[in-house]
Protein backbone atom coordinates (compact mmCIF):
# COMPACT_ATOMS: atom_id res chain seq x y z
CA UNK A 1 68.04 65.68 161.52
CA UNK A 2 65.19 68.41 160.74
CA UNK A 3 66.24 69.94 164.05
CA UNK A 4 69.75 70.62 163.26
CA UNK A 5 68.60 71.92 159.67
CA UNK A 6 66.59 74.67 161.30
CA UNK A 7 69.54 75.19 163.63
CA UNK A 8 71.57 75.90 160.82
CA UNK A 9 69.22 77.87 159.04
CA UNK A 10 68.99 79.96 162.07
CA UNK A 11 72.62 80.80 162.42
CA UNK A 12 72.70 81.65 158.72
CA UNK A 13 70.20 84.02 158.87
CA UNK A 14 71.40 85.27 162.25
CA UNK A 15 74.96 85.81 160.46
CA UNK A 16 73.09 87.31 157.40
CA UNK A 17 71.23 90.18 159.76
CA UNK A 18 74.56 90.89 161.17
CA UNK A 19 76.22 91.47 157.91
CA UNK A 20 73.26 93.56 156.59
CA UNK A 21 74.16 96.75 158.70
CA UNK A 22 77.74 96.72 157.83
CA UNK A 23 77.74 98.47 154.29
CA UNK A 24 81.04 99.43 153.45
CA UNK A 25 84.48 100.36 155.45
CA UNK A 26 87.23 102.72 155.04
CA UNK A 27 91.13 101.40 155.95
CA UNK A 28 94.49 102.60 156.09
CA UNK A 29 97.05 100.08 155.83
CA UNK A 30 100.79 99.59 155.49
CA UNK A 31 103.69 96.93 155.27
CA UNK A 32 106.22 95.33 153.37
CA UNK A 33 106.60 95.13 149.54
CA UNK A 34 108.47 92.20 148.11
CA UNK A 35 109.62 92.75 144.44
CA UNK A 36 109.34 89.57 142.56
CA UNK A 37 110.55 88.09 138.88
CA UNK A 38 112.85 90.58 136.89
CA UNK A 39 112.07 93.59 138.90
CA UNK A 40 114.20 91.81 141.73
CA UNK A 41 116.75 90.35 139.50
CA UNK A 42 120.15 91.28 139.95
CA UNK A 43 121.23 90.87 136.19
CA UNK A 44 121.96 93.68 133.90
CA UNK A 45 119.77 92.52 131.20
CA UNK A 46 116.52 93.53 132.36
CA UNK A 47 117.10 93.30 136.20
CA UNK A 48 116.32 96.36 138.39
CA UNK A 49 118.19 95.22 141.45
CA UNK A 50 115.17 95.95 144.20
CA UNK A 51 114.86 94.63 147.44
CA UNK A 52 112.15 94.44 150.07
CA UNK A 53 110.33 97.86 150.59
CA UNK A 54 107.52 99.40 151.90
CA UNK A 55 103.99 100.33 151.09
CA UNK A 56 100.97 102.00 152.12
CA UNK A 57 97.57 102.69 150.95
CA UNK A 58 93.94 103.97 151.78
CA UNK A 59 90.77 102.40 150.51
CA UNK A 60 87.27 102.61 150.77
CA UNK A 61 84.60 100.02 149.80
CA UNK A 62 80.47 99.90 149.40
CA UNK A 63 78.69 96.70 149.40
CA UNK A 64 75.58 96.94 147.31
CA UNK A 65 74.76 92.99 148.68
CA UNK A 66 76.02 91.39 151.37
CA UNK A 67 78.73 89.60 149.74
CA UNK A 68 79.47 92.11 146.75
CA UNK A 69 80.55 95.47 146.25
CA UNK A 70 82.71 98.32 144.61
CA UNK A 71 85.81 100.09 146.00
CA UNK A 72 88.56 102.37 145.28
CA UNK A 73 92.03 102.38 146.42
CA UNK A 74 95.44 104.58 146.13
CA UNK A 75 98.67 103.28 146.81
CA UNK A 76 102.40 104.10 147.48
CA UNK A 77 105.28 101.82 147.00
CA UNK A 78 108.83 102.33 147.80
CA UNK A 79 111.80 99.75 146.41
CA UNK A 80 115.24 100.34 147.56
CA UNK A 81 118.22 99.47 145.01
CA UNK A 82 120.66 96.69 146.21
CA UNK A 83 124.06 99.00 145.16
CA UNK A 84 126.45 96.58 146.26
CA UNK A 85 124.93 93.82 143.80
CA UNK A 86 124.41 96.67 140.90
CA UNK A 87 128.11 97.66 141.42
CA UNK A 88 129.46 93.83 141.14
CA UNK A 89 127.19 93.30 138.07
CA UNK A 90 128.89 96.67 136.26
CA UNK A 91 132.47 95.53 137.06
CA UNK A 92 131.89 92.15 135.81
CA UNK A 93 130.15 93.61 132.56
CA UNK A 94 133.01 95.97 131.80
CA UNK A 95 136.78 94.85 131.56
CA UNK A 96 137.89 98.61 131.62
CA UNK A 97 136.17 98.94 135.12
CA UNK A 98 138.18 98.32 138.17
CA UNK A 99 135.79 99.50 140.71
CA UNK A 100 132.42 101.47 140.98
CA UNK A 101 130.59 103.21 143.89
CA UNK A 102 127.04 103.94 143.39
CA UNK A 103 124.71 106.37 145.02
CA UNK A 104 120.96 105.30 144.37
CA UNK A 105 117.98 106.47 145.13
CA UNK A 106 114.72 103.86 145.44
CA UNK A 107 112.29 102.93 142.89
CA UNK A 108 108.92 104.92 143.57
CA UNK A 109 105.68 103.43 142.53
CA UNK A 110 102.12 105.16 143.16
CA UNK A 111 98.66 103.43 141.93
CA UNK A 112 94.98 104.16 141.83
CA UNK A 113 92.47 101.78 140.84
CA UNK A 114 88.71 100.82 141.44
CA UNK A 115 86.58 97.55 141.10
CA UNK A 116 85.10 94.82 142.59
CA UNK A 117 85.12 93.50 146.00
CA UNK A 118 83.54 90.47 147.63
CA UNK A 119 83.27 89.07 151.37
CA UNK A 120 82.12 85.92 152.97
CA UNK A 121 81.71 85.66 156.74
CA UNK A 122 83.47 82.51 158.75
CA UNK A 123 81.63 84.08 162.07
CA UNK A 124 80.58 87.10 163.95
CA UNK A 125 84.23 88.07 164.13
CA UNK A 126 85.97 86.91 161.07
CA UNK A 127 85.54 87.27 157.55
CA UNK A 128 87.35 86.55 154.01
CA UNK A 129 87.52 89.65 151.43
CA UNK A 130 89.04 89.51 147.67
CA UNK A 131 89.21 92.00 145.23
CA UNK A 132 89.98 92.52 141.49
CA UNK A 133 90.53 96.16 140.47
CA UNK A 134 92.04 98.25 137.60
CA UNK A 135 93.44 101.71 137.50
CA UNK A 136 96.69 103.63 136.58
CA UNK A 137 100.29 102.45 137.70
CA UNK A 138 102.87 105.41 137.84
CA UNK A 139 106.46 104.04 138.32
CA UNK A 140 109.82 106.15 138.38
CA UNK A 141 113.27 104.67 138.41
CA UNK A 142 115.63 106.25 140.95
CA UNK A 143 118.29 108.99 140.44
CA UNK A 144 121.95 107.25 140.60
CA UNK A 145 125.50 108.68 140.97
CA UNK A 146 128.32 106.86 139.63
CA UNK A 147 131.94 107.18 140.73
CA UNK A 148 133.81 104.60 138.55
CA UNK A 149 137.86 103.51 138.91
CA UNK A 150 139.02 102.49 135.48
CA UNK A 151 141.99 100.59 134.64
CA UNK A 152 143.02 103.22 131.79
CA UNK A 153 141.05 106.43 131.61
CA UNK A 154 137.28 107.38 132.13
CA UNK A 155 135.16 109.91 133.40
CA UNK A 156 135.36 110.54 137.28
CA UNK A 157 131.54 110.59 137.89
CA UNK A 158 128.54 110.18 135.92
CA UNK A 159 124.64 110.08 136.87
CA UNK A 160 121.35 108.62 135.70
CA UNK A 161 118.61 110.64 136.52
CA UNK A 162 115.03 109.39 137.06
CA UNK A 163 112.43 108.47 134.21
CA UNK A 164 108.63 108.02 134.48
CA UNK A 165 105.97 106.13 132.85
CA UNK A 166 102.32 105.03 133.72
CA UNK A 167 100.21 102.34 132.06
CA UNK A 168 97.02 100.65 132.87
CA UNK A 169 97.16 97.70 135.11
CA UNK A 170 95.04 95.27 136.92
CA UNK A 171 95.56 94.12 140.78
CA UNK A 172 93.88 91.23 142.31
CA UNK A 173 93.75 90.73 146.26
CA UNK A 174 93.04 88.65 149.06
CA UNK A 175 92.69 89.25 152.64
CA UNK A 176 90.96 88.84 156.09
CA UNK A 177 89.36 91.08 158.67
CA UNK A 178 88.89 90.49 162.38
CA UNK A 179 85.85 93.04 163.75
CA UNK A 180 86.95 94.48 167.17
CA UNK A 181 83.49 96.00 167.79
CA UNK A 182 80.75 97.69 165.95
CA UNK A 183 82.79 100.06 164.31
CA UNK A 184 86.19 98.93 164.16
CA UNK A 185 87.96 96.12 162.54
CA UNK A 186 91.63 94.93 161.75
CA UNK A 187 92.52 93.07 158.63
CA UNK A 188 95.31 91.31 156.77
CA UNK A 189 95.68 91.63 153.00
CA UNK A 190 97.94 90.69 150.06
CA UNK A 191 97.82 91.86 146.55
CA UNK A 192 99.59 91.55 143.54
CA UNK A 193 101.33 94.25 141.23
CA UNK A 194 102.90 93.64 137.81
CA UNK A 195 103.35 95.38 134.81
CA UNK A 196 105.90 96.25 131.88
CA UNK A 197 107.10 99.77 132.06
CA UNK A 198 108.97 101.52 129.63
CA UNK A 199 111.48 104.09 130.43
CA UNK A 200 113.40 106.81 128.47
CA UNK A 201 116.84 107.73 129.15
CA UNK A 202 118.80 110.36 127.42
CA UNK A 203 122.41 109.33 125.78
CA UNK A 204 124.87 111.21 123.88
CA UNK A 205 123.31 108.95 120.72
CA UNK A 206 119.59 110.17 121.66
CA UNK A 207 116.90 108.59 123.76
CA UNK A 208 117.17 105.00 124.82
CA UNK A 209 114.11 103.31 125.91
CA UNK A 210 114.25 100.69 128.67
CA UNK A 211 111.58 98.15 129.19
CA UNK A 212 111.14 96.87 132.81
CA UNK A 213 108.74 94.61 134.66
CA UNK A 214 107.72 96.14 137.69
CA UNK A 215 106.50 93.20 139.72
CA UNK A 216 105.87 92.84 143.91
CA UNK A 217 103.70 91.50 146.50
CA UNK A 218 102.22 93.86 149.02
CA UNK A 219 101.50 92.15 152.41
CA UNK A 220 99.52 94.79 154.69
CA UNK A 221 98.08 95.08 157.94
CA UNK A 222 95.22 97.68 158.11
CA UNK A 223 92.79 99.57 160.68
CA UNK A 224 89.44 99.42 159.10
CA UNK A 225 86.49 101.81 160.11
CA UNK A 226 83.00 99.89 159.46
CA UNK A 227 80.09 101.48 157.88
CA UNK A 228 76.41 100.98 158.67
CA UNK A 229 73.22 102.09 157.24
CA UNK A 230 71.83 105.39 158.60
């Protein structure tokens, strides 16, 4: 029994010694971004009609102990609009509208955050990572061009120009890393972004403000550059 205990301690100390030289990492990642909740809803009341898009991010982390550290991240997300579902909803909601063709840019979201990171080694190759960060979220609604057909009479076309808002937000994340060699690793990571944004739109009666929930899950694969003690 004592032999097994000392063998366990030897493995533990070996892993700790291996980890001590990796004081941080830099990474670049990308992957699909999945809208959730009202952000992906196809209802005119609060829905944004978004579909699966893309995310890209860069990250830097420095560990002040073997398991805990701090980091910064910057990311960019793009979510296309389901114009077919949006057109159907518009026609169903307006008894005077018989048909509408819609052209739409995607929703654009950017973020910058800083916070705390943790890592736990499974063996000399694999580690599990977690983070909780806070920062600023910027969101821009799409430019949209409508070409409607009315039963009686109406405008030939109209447009909705982009609106922007920014809010403080919190982003949690979980991931795994696989060490290729002393300097490089691969990672898989998922993170949740969710915030209620307020967008202003100019109308004939003045500025109208719409609150929209911007919520999505990023799933990313990335290349990691491992940083060591000098």
